[in-house]
Amino acid sequence: MRSPYLATQATSIGGVDRYIESMEGELLKAFMQDERTPDWTILVVALSQMWVFSLYELLRTWLQMASELVRYADDLDKLTGDVRQADCS
């Protein structure tokens, strides 16, 4: 089962990850140049936290969908004959 929602979320998380990595590189350069923590460090920290929450939500949703699919398959296995055929169509 392929979920367009999960695929879109995973793509978005990957894009944000690359953006945050770029910001972290710029943050390191600014720190090395000025020898102090840049004012915009909090932005990188906040985006990193949001990224973690997004990844958690993606994994939680995927696990929920997988559990529902397994439960459906188990319920389908319990059916027999005509009842199973009717439920599958």
PDB file of N, CA and C in Angstrom:
ATOM      1  N   MET A   1       0.848  -1.176   0.000  1.00  0.00           N
ATOM      2  CA  MET A   1       0.000   0.000   0.000  1.00  0.00           C
ATOM      3  C   MET A   1       0.892   1.238   0.000  1.00  0.00           C
ATOM      4  N   ARG A   2       0.699   2.089  -0.958  1.00  0.00           N
ATOM      5  CA  ARG A   2       1.476   3.325  -1.057  1.00  0.00           C
ATOM      6  C   ARG A   2       0.562   4.492  -0.703  1.00  0.00           C
ATOM      7  N   SER A   3       1.015   5.303   0.226  1.00  0.00           N
ATOM      8  CA  SER A   3       0.230   6.441   0.672  1.00  0.00           C
ATOM      9  C   SER A   3       0.824   7.733   0.109  1.00  0.00           C
ATOM     10  N   PRO A   4       0.072   8.438  -0.739  1.00  0.00           N
ATOM     11  CA  PRO A   4       0.579   9.719  -1.254  1.00  0.00           C
ATOM     12  C   PRO A   4       0.851  10.711  -0.116  1.00  0.00           C
ATOM     13  N   TYR A   5       0.037  10.660   0.928  1.00  0.00           N
ATOM     14  CA  TYR A   5       0.217  11.553   2.073  1.00  0.00           C
ATOM     15  C   TYR A   5       1.570  11.308   2.734  1.00  0.00           C
ATOM     16  N   LEU A   6       1.884  10.038   3.017  1.00  0.00           N
ATOM     17  CA  LEU A   6       3.156   9.726   3.674  1.00  0.00           C
ATOM     18  C   LEU A   6       4.343  10.029   2.760  1.00  0.00           C
ATOM     19  N   ALA A   7       4.185   9.766   1.472  1.00  0.00           N
ATOM     20  CA  ALA A   7       5.267  10.053   0.523  1.00  0.00           C
ATOM     21  C   ALA A   7       5.544  11.555   0.467  1.00  0.00           C
ATOM     22  N   THR A   8       4.482  12.359   0.458  1.00  0.00           N
ATOM     23  CA  THR A   8       4.643  13.816   0.436  1.00  0.00           C
ATOM     24  C   THR A   8       5.309  14.293   1.716  1.00  0.00           C
ATOM     25  N   GLN A   9       4.872  13.753   2.849  1.00  0.00           N
ATOM     26  CA  GLN A   9       5.463  14.140   4.130  1.00  0.00           C
ATOM     27  C   GLN A   9       6.945  13.777   4.180  1.00  0.00           C
ATOM     28  N   ALA A  10       7.291  12.592   3.720  1.00  0.00           N
ATOM     29  CA  ALA A  10       8.694  12.160   3.733  1.00  0.00           C
ATOM     30  C   ALA A  10       9.547  13.051   2.826  1.00  0.00           C
ATOM     31  N   THR A  11       9.016  13.417   1.669  1.00  0.00           N
ATOM     32  CA  THR A  11       9.734  14.311   0.762  1.00  0.00           C
ATOM     33  C   THR A  11       9.945  15.678   1.403  1.00  0.00           C
ATOM     34  N   SER A  12       8.916  16.178   2.058  1.00  0.00           N
ATOM     35  CA  SER A  12       9.014  17.479   2.730  1.00  0.00           C
ATOM     36  C   SER A  12      10.047  17.447   3.849  1.00  0.00           C
ATOM     37  N   ILE A  13      10.038  16.384   4.630  1.00  0.00           N
ATOM     38  CA  ILE A  13      10.999  16.247   5.726  1.00  0.00           C
ATOM     39  C   ILE A  13      12.425  16.194   5.179  1.00  0.00           C
ATOM     40  N   GLY A  14      12.606  15.500   4.065  1.00  0.00           N
ATOM     41  CA  GLY A  14      13.929  15.446   3.440  1.00  0.00           C
ATOM     42  C   GLY A  14      14.389  16.813   2.956  1.00  0.00           C
ATOM     43  N   GLY A  15      13.474  17.574   2.354  1.00  0.00           N
ATOM     44  CA  GLY A  15      13.817  18.920   1.888  1.00  0.00           C
ATOM     45  C   GLY A  15      14.184  19.845   3.032  1.00  0.00           C
ATOM     46  N   VAL A  16      13.413  19.787   4.097  1.00  0.00           N
ATOM     47  CA  VAL A  16      13.699  20.616   5.269  1.00  0.00           C
ATOM     48  C   VAL A  16      15.027  20.195   5.895  1.00  0.00           C
ATOM     49  N   ASP A  17      15.312  18.902   5.897  1.00  0.00           N
ATOM     50  CA  ASP A  17      16.573  18.411   6.454  1.00  0.00           C
ATOM     51  C   ASP A  17      17.763  19.012   5.718  1.00  0.00           C
ATOM     52  N   ARG A  18      17.698  19.030   4.396  1.00  0.00           N
ATOM     53  CA  ARG A  18      18.796  19.617   3.618  1.00  0.00           C
ATOM     54  C   ARG A  18      18.937  21.118   3.913  1.00  0.00           C
ATOM     55  N   TYR A  19      17.812  21.806   4.083  1.00  0.00           N
ATOM     56  CA  TYR A  19      17.830  23.231   4.399  1.00  0.00           C
ATOM     57  C   TYR A  19      18.454  23.476   5.776  1.00  0.00           C
ATOM     58  N   ILE A  20      18.061  22.672   6.749  1.00  0.00           N
ATOM     59  CA  ILE A  20      18.619  22.821   8.096  1.00  0.00           C
ATOM     60  C   ILE A  20      20.109  22.516   8.102  1.00  0.00           C
ATOM     61  N   GLU A  21      20.528  21.488   7.375  1.00  0.00           N
ATOM     62  CA  GLU A  21      21.961  21.176   7.295  1.00  0.00           C
ATOM     63  C   GLU A  21      22.747  22.347   6.715  1.00  0.00           C
ATOM     64  N   SER A  22      22.188  22.988   5.703  1.00  0.00           N
ATOM     65  CA  SER A  22      22.825  24.160   5.115  1.00  0.00           C
ATOM     66  C   SER A  22      22.926  25.292   6.143  1.00  0.00           C
ATOM     67  N   MET A  23      21.849  25.506   6.886  1.00  0.00           N
ATOM     68  CA  MET A  23      21.844  26.543   7.920  1.00  0.00           C
ATOM     69  C   MET A  23      22.867  26.229   9.009  1.00  0.00           C
ATOM     70  N   GLU A  24      22.999  24.945   9.359  1.00  0.00           N
ATOM     71  CA  GLU A  24      23.977  24.558  10.375  1.00  0.00           C
ATOM     72  C   GLU A  24      25.401  24.861   9.901  1.00  0.00           C
ATOM     73  N   GLY A  25      25.658  24.642   8.615  1.00  0.00           N
ATOM     74  CA  GLY A  25      26.973  24.965   8.060  1.00  0.00           C
ATOM     75  C   GLY A  25      27.255  26.458   8.121  1.00  0.00           C
ATOM     76  N   GLU A  26      26.246  27.242   7.763  1.00  0.00           N
ATOM     77  CA  GLU A  26      26.394  28.697   7.840  1.00  0.00           C
ATOM     78  C   GLU A  26      26.564  29.157   9.288  1.00  0.00           C
ATOM     79  N   LEU A  27      25.862  28.505  10.180  1.00  0.00           N
ATOM     80  CA  LEU A  27      25.963  28.829  11.605  1.00  0.00           C
ATOM     81  C   LEU A  27      27.386  28.563  12.110  1.00  0.00           C
ATOM     82  N   LEU A  28      27.953  27.446  11.714  1.00  0.00           N
ATOM     83  CA  LEU A  28      29.327  27.117  12.113  1.00  0.00           C
ATOM     84  C   LEU A  28      30.318  28.142  11.561  1.00  0.00           C
ATOM     85  N   LYS A  29      30.146  28.514  10.286  1.00  0.00           N
ATOM     86  CA  LYS A  29      31.036  29.524   9.692  1.00  0.00           C
ATOM     87  C   LYS A  29      30.949  30.838  10.460  1.00  0.00           C
ATOM     88  N   ALA A  30      29.710  31.262  10.757  1.00  0.00           N
ATOM     89  CA  ALA A  30      29.515  32.522  11.484  1.00  0.00           C
ATOM     90  C   ALA A  30      30.134  32.446  12.875  1.00  0.00           C
ATOM     91  N   PHE A  31      29.996  31.308  13.531  1.00  0.00           N
ATOM     92  CA  PHE A  31      30.573  31.135  14.864  1.00  0.00           C
ATOM     93  C   PHE A  31      32.096  31.201  14.806  1.00  0.00           C
ATOM     94  N   MET A  32      32.681  30.542  13.828  1.00  0.00           N
ATOM     95  CA  MET A  32      34.144  30.522  13.698  1.00  0.00           C
ATOM     96  C   MET A  32      34.683  31.914  13.349  1.00  0.00           C
ATOM     97  N   GLN A  33      33.946  32.637  12.537  1.00  0.00           N
ATOM     98  CA  GLN A  33      34.393  33.961  12.112  1.00  0.00           C
ATOM     99  C   GLN A  33      34.286  34.982  13.257  1.00  0.00           C
ATOM    100  N   ASP A  34      33.148  34.984  13.956  1.00  0.00           N
ATOM    101  CA  ASP A  34      32.904  35.991  14.994  1.00  0.00           C
ATOM    102  C   ASP A  34      33.313  35.543  16.392  1.00  0.00           C
ATOM    103  N   GLU A  35      33.584  34.246  16.533  1.00  0.00           N
ATOM    104  CA  GLU A  35      33.936  33.651  17.821  1.00  0.00           C
ATOM    105  C   GLU A  35      32.874  33.914  18.895  1.00  0.00           C
ATOM    106  N   ARG A  36      31.633  33.889  18.462  1.00  0.00           N
ATOM    107  CA  ARG A  36      30.496  33.990  19.389  1.00  0.00           C
ATOM    108  C   ARG A  36      29.289  33.341  18.724  1.00  0.00           C
ATOM    109  N   THR A  37      28.329  33.002  19.534  1.00  0.00           N
ATOM    110  CA  THR A  37      27.117  32.369  19.017  1.00  0.00           C
ATOM    111  C   THR A  37      26.265  33.403  18.282  1.00  0.00           C
ATOM    112  N   PRO A  38      25.963  33.150  16.996  1.00  0.00           N
ATOM    113  CA  PRO A  38      25.154  34.106  16.232  1.00  0.00           C
ATOM    114  C   PRO A  38      23.742  34.253  16.827  1.00  0.00           C
ATOM    115  N   ASP A  39      23.161  35.424  16.626  1.00  0.00           N
ATOM    116  CA  ASP A  39      21.818  35.694  17.147  1.00  0.00           C
ATOM    117  C   ASP A  39      20.756  34.760  16.559  1.00  0.00           C
ATOM    118  N   TRP A  40      20.946  34.316  15.344  1.00  0.00           N
ATOM    119  CA  TRP A  40      19.928  33.509  14.684  1.00  0.00           C
ATOM    120  C   TRP A  40      20.063  32.004  14.984  1.00  0.00           C
ATOM    121  N   THR A  41      20.891  31.656  15.959  1.00  0.00           N
ATOM    122  CA  THR A  41      21.035  30.256  16.377  1.00  0.00           C
ATOM    123  C   THR A  41      19.693  29.674  16.806  1.00  0.00           C
ATOM    124  N   ILE A  42      18.881  30.494  17.489  1.00  0.00           N
ATOM    125  CA  ILE A  42      17.587  30.015  17.980  1.00  0.00           C
ATOM    126  C   ILE A  42      16.688  29.557  16.831  1.00  0.00           C
ATOM    127  N   LEU A  43      16.816  30.190  15.673  1.00  0.00           N
ATOM    128  CA  LEU A  43      16.020  29.775  14.514  1.00  0.00           C
ATOM    129  C   LEU A  43      16.396  28.357  14.082  1.00  0.00           C
ATOM    130  N   VAL A  44      17.692  28.082  14.042  1.00  0.00           N
ATOM    131  CA  VAL A  44      18.151  26.739  13.652  1.00  0.00           C
ATOM    132  C   VAL A  44      17.700  25.711  14.685  1.00  0.00           C
ATOM    133  N   VAL A  45      17.784  26.056  15.946  1.00  0.00           N
ATOM    134  CA  VAL A  45      17.339  25.152  17.010  1.00  0.00           C
ATOM    135  C   VAL A  45      15.840  24.881  16.880  1.00  0.00           C
ATOM    136  N   ALA A  46      15.059  25.938  16.660  1.00  0.00           N
ATOM    137  CA  ALA A  46      13.605  25.784  16.537  1.00  0.00           C
ATOM    138  C   ALA A  46      13.235  24.926  15.324  1.00  0.00           C
ATOM    139  N   LEU A  47      13.885  25.176  14.192  1.00  0.00           N
ATOM    140  CA  LEU A  47      13.606  24.372  12.997  1.00  0.00           C
ATOM    141  C   LEU A  47      14.008  22.911  13.208  1.00  0.00           C
ATOM    142  N   SER A  48      15.104  22.693  13.905  1.00  0.00           N
ATOM    143  CA  SER A  48      15.544  21.320  14.190  1.00  0.00           C
ATOM    144  C   SER A  48      14.523  20.596  15.068  1.00  0.00           C
ATOM    145  N   GLN A  49      13.997  21.293  16.064  1.00  0.00           N
ATOM    146  CA  GLN A  49      12.973  20.690  16.919  1.00  0.00           C
ATOM    147  C   GLN A  49      11.716  20.368  16.111  1.00  0.00           C
ATOM    148  N   MET A  50      11.327  21.283  15.257  1.00  0.00           N
ATOM    149  CA  MET A  50      10.136  21.051  14.434  1.00  0.00           C
ATOM    150  C   MET A  50      10.364  19.875  13.489  1.00  0.00           C
ATOM    151  N   TRP A  51      11.595  19.733  12.984  1.00  0.00           N
ATOM    152  CA  TRP A  51      11.926  18.619  12.105  1.00  0.00           C
ATOM    153  C   TRP A  51      11.759  17.292  12.851  1.00  0.00           C
ATOM    154  N   VAL A  52      12.246  17.245  14.096  1.00  0.00           N
ATOM    155  CA  VAL A  52      12.122  16.025  14.903  1.00  0.00           C
ATOM    156  C   VAL A  52      10.646  15.692  15.127  1.00  0.00           C
ATOM    157  N   PHE A  53       9.838  16.695  15.458  1.00  0.00           N
ATOM    158  CA  PHE A  53       8.409  16.462  15.660  1.00  0.00           C
ATOM    159  C   PHE A  53       7.744  15.967  14.369  1.00  0.00           C
ATOM    160  N   SER A  54       8.152  16.524  13.236  1.00  0.00           N
ATOM    161  CA  SER A  54       7.591  16.102  11.949  1.00  0.00           C
ATOM    162  C   SER A  54       7.940  14.652  11.642  1.00  0.00           C
ATOM    163  N   LEU A  55       9.189  14.289  11.893  1.00  0.00           N
ATOM    164  CA  LEU A  55       9.606  12.906  11.654  1.00  0.00           C
ATOM    165  C   LEU A  55       8.862  11.952  12.575  1.00  0.00           C
ATOM    166  N   TYR A  56       8.719  12.339  13.837  1.00  0.00           N
ATOM    167  CA  TYR A  56       7.969  11.521  14.784  1.00  0.00           C
ATOM    168  C   TYR A  56       6.541  11.308  14.282  1.00  0.00           C
ATOM    169  N   GLU A  57       5.896  12.368  13.839  1.00  0.00           N
ATOM    170  CA  GLU A  57       4.511  12.271  13.372  1.00  0.00           C
ATOM    171  C   GLU A  57       4.406  11.387  12.131  1.00  0.00           C
ATOM    172  N   LEU A  58       5.374  11.498  11.224  1.00  0.00           N
ATOM    173  CA  LEU A  58       5.393  10.637  10.043  1.00  0.00           C
ATOM    174  C   LEU A  58       5.490   9.168  10.458  1.00  0.00           C
ATOM    175  N   LEU A  59       6.412   8.865  11.370  1.00  0.00           N
ATOM    176  CA  LEU A  59       6.587   7.482  11.817  1.00  0.00           C
ATOM    177  C   LEU A  59       5.373   6.981  12.594  1.00  0.00           C
ATOM    178  N   ARG A  60       4.768   7.846  13.417  1.00  0.00           N
ATOM    179  CA  ARG A  60       3.577   7.464  14.167  1.00  0.00           C
ATOM    180  C   ARG A  60       2.418   7.155  13.218  1.00  0.00           C
ATOM    181  N   THR A  61       2.248   7.979  12.202  1.00  0.00           N
ATOM    182  CA  THR A  61       1.177   7.772  11.227  1.00  0.00           C
ATOM    183  C   THR A  61       1.419   6.498  10.427  1.00  0.00           C
ATOM    184  N   TRP A  62       2.670   6.275  10.011  1.00  0.00           N
ATOM    185  CA  TRP A  62       3.001   5.066   9.268  1.00  0.00           C
ATOM    186  C   TRP A  62       2.707   3.824  10.106  1.00  0.00           C
ATOM    187  N   LEU A  63       3.099   3.861  11.381  1.00  0.00           N
ATOM    188  CA  LEU A  63       2.858   2.721  12.260  1.00  0.00           C
ATOM    189  C   LEU A  63       1.366   2.479  12.437  1.00  0.00           C
ATOM    190  N   GLN A  64       0.597   3.533  12.589  1.00  0.00           N
ATOM    191  CA  GLN A  64      -0.858   3.394  12.726  1.00  0.00           C
ATOM    192  C   GLN A  64      -1.462   2.768  11.475  1.00  0.00           C
ATOM    193  N   MET A  65      -1.046   3.239  10.305  1.00  0.00           N
ATOM    194  CA  MET A  65      -1.567   2.676   9.050  1.00  0.00           C
ATOM    195  C   MET A  65      -1.182   1.210   8.900  1.00  0.00           C
ATOM    196  N   ALA A  66       0.061   0.879   9.248  1.00  0.00           N
ATOM    197  CA  ALA A  66       0.516  -0.510   9.153  1.00  0.00           C
ATOM    198  C   ALA A  66      -0.255  -1.397  10.124  1.00  0.00           C
ATOM    199  N   SER A  67      -0.509  -0.914  11.326  1.00  0.00           N
ATOM    200  CA  SER A  67      -1.272  -1.685  12.316  1.00  0.00           C
ATOM    201  C   SER A  67      -2.697  -1.929  11.843  1.00  0.00           C
ATOM    202  N   GLU A  68      -3.307  -0.912  11.247  1.00  0.00           N
ATOM    203  CA  GLU A  68      -4.666  -1.072  10.730  1.00  0.00           C
ATOM    204  C   GLU A  68      -4.708  -2.087   9.591  1.00  0.00           C
ATOM    205  N   LEU A  69      -3.686  -2.069   8.748  1.00  0.00           N
ATOM    206  CA  LEU A  69      -3.620  -3.020   7.641  1.00  0.00           C
ATOM    207  C   LEU A  69      -3.452  -4.443   8.158  1.00  0.00           C
ATOM    208  N   VAL A  70      -2.604  -4.635   9.150  1.00  0.00           N
ATOM    209  CA  VAL A  70      -2.415  -5.964   9.740  1.00  0.00           C
ATOM    210  C   VAL A  70      -3.707  -6.439  10.404  1.00  0.00           C
ATOM    211  N   ARG A  71      -4.377  -5.532  11.118  1.00  0.00           N
ATOM    212  CA  ARG A  71      -5.647  -5.883  11.767  1.00  0.00           C
ATOM    213  C   ARG A  71      -6.690  -6.281  10.721  1.00  0.00           C
ATOM    214  N   TYR A  72      -6.745  -5.542   9.611  1.00  0.00           N
ATOM    215  CA  TYR A  72      -7.681  -5.877   8.531  1.00  0.00           C
ATOM    216  C   TYR A  72      -7.355  -7.249   7.950  1.00  0.00           C
ATOM    217  N   ALA A  73      -6.075  -7.529   7.742  1.00  0.00           N
ATOM    218  CA  ALA A  73      -5.673  -8.836   7.198  1.00  0.00           C
ATOM    219  C   ALA A  73      -6.042  -9.960   8.169  1.00  0.00           C
ATOM    220  N   ASP A  74      -5.850  -9.730   9.460  1.00  0.00           N
ATOM    221  CA  ASP A  74      -6.228 -10.743  10.456  1.00  0.00           C
ATOM    222  C   ASP A  74      -7.730 -10.980  10.451  1.00  0.00           C
ATOM    223  N   ASP A  75      -8.506  -9.897  10.384  1.00  0.00           N
ATOM    224  CA  ASP A  75      -9.960 -10.038  10.321  1.00  0.00           C
ATOM    225  C   ASP A  75     -10.384 -10.771   9.053  1.00  0.00           C
ATOM    226  N   LEU A  76      -9.733 -10.488   7.942  1.00  0.00           N
ATOM    227  CA  LEU A  76     -10.054 -11.135   6.675  1.00  0.00           C
ATOM    228  C   LEU A  76      -9.729 -12.626   6.727  1.00  0.00           C
ATOM    229  N   ASP A  77      -8.631 -12.983   7.405  1.00  0.00           N
ATOM    230  CA  ASP A  77      -8.260 -14.398   7.540  1.00  0.00           C
ATOM    231  C   ASP A  77      -9.314 -15.197   8.301  1.00  0.00           C
ATOM    232  N   LYS A  78     -10.029 -14.548   9.199  1.00  0.00           N
ATOM    233  CA  LYS A  78     -11.037 -15.235  10.003  1.00  0.00           C
ATOM    234  C   LYS A  78     -12.307 -15.518   9.223  1.00  0.00           C
ATOM    235  N   LEU A  79     -12.506 -14.799   8.121  1.00  0.00           N
ATOM    236  CA  LEU A  79     -13.711 -15.001   7.313  1.00  0.00           C
ATOM    237  C   LEU A  79     -13.533 -16.203   6.394  1.00  0.00           C
ATOM    238  N   THR A  80     -14.647 -16.795   6.024  1.00  0.00           N
ATOM    239  CA  THR A  80     -14.585 -17.946   5.140  1.00  0.00           C
ATOM    240  C   THR A  80     -15.606 -17.807   4.013  1.00  0.00           C
ATOM    241  N   GLY A  81     -15.348 -18.511   2.940  1.00  0.00           N
ATOM    242  CA  GLY A  81     -16.292 -18.659   1.837  1.00  0.00           C
ATOM    243  C   GLY A  81     -16.897 -17.379   1.293  1.00  0.00           C
ATOM    244  N   ASP A  82     -18.231 -17.400   1.194  1.00  0.00           N
ATOM    245  CA  ASP A  82     -18.951 -16.277   0.587  1.00  0.00           C
ATOM    246  C   ASP A  82     -18.803 -14.971   1.370  1.00  0.00           C
ATOM    247  N   VAL A  83     -18.708 -15.077   2.679  1.00  0.00           N
ATOM    248  CA  VAL A  83     -18.561 -13.871   3.512  1.00  0.00           C
ATOM    249  C   VAL A  83     -17.232 -13.201   3.172  1.00  0.00           C
ATOM    250  N   ARG A  84     -16.193 -13.989   3.031  1.00  0.00           N
ATOM    251  CA  ARG A  84     -14.868 -13.424   2.703  1.00  0.00           C
ATOM    252  C   ARG A  84     -14.893 -12.814   1.305  1.00  0.00           C
ATOM    253  N   GLN A  85     -15.493 -13.507   0.352  1.00  0.00           N
ATOM    254  CA  GLN A  85     -15.555 -12.987  -1.022  1.00  0.00           C
ATOM    255  C   GLN A  85     -16.316 -11.673  -1.068  1.00  0.00           C
ATOM    256  N   ALA A  86     -17.409 -11.572  -0.336  1.00  0.00           N
ATOM    257  CA  ALA A  86     -18.204 -10.341  -0.317  1.00  0.00           C
ATOM    258  C   ALA A  86     -17.442  -9.210   0.346  1.00  0.00           C
ATOM    259  N   ASP A  87     -16.671  -9.516   1.378  1.00  0.00           N
ATOM    260  CA  ASP A  87     -15.933  -8.486   2.098  1.00  0.00           C
ATOM    261  C   ASP A  87     -14.762  -7.949   1.270  1.00  0.00           C
ATOM    262  N   CYS A  88     -14.210  -8.774   0.383  1.00  0.00           N
ATOM    263  CA  CYS A  88     -13.064  -8.366  -0.421  1.00  0.00           C
ATOM    264  C   CYS A  88     -13.468  -7.515  -1.612  1.00  0.00           C
ATOM    265  N   SER A  89     -14.712  -7.576  -2.023  1.00  0.00           N
ATOM    266  CA  SER A  89     -15.099  -6.837  -3.229  1.00  0.00           C
ATOM    267  C   SER A  89     -15.579  -5.459  -2.934  1.00  0.00           C
TER     268      SER A  89
END
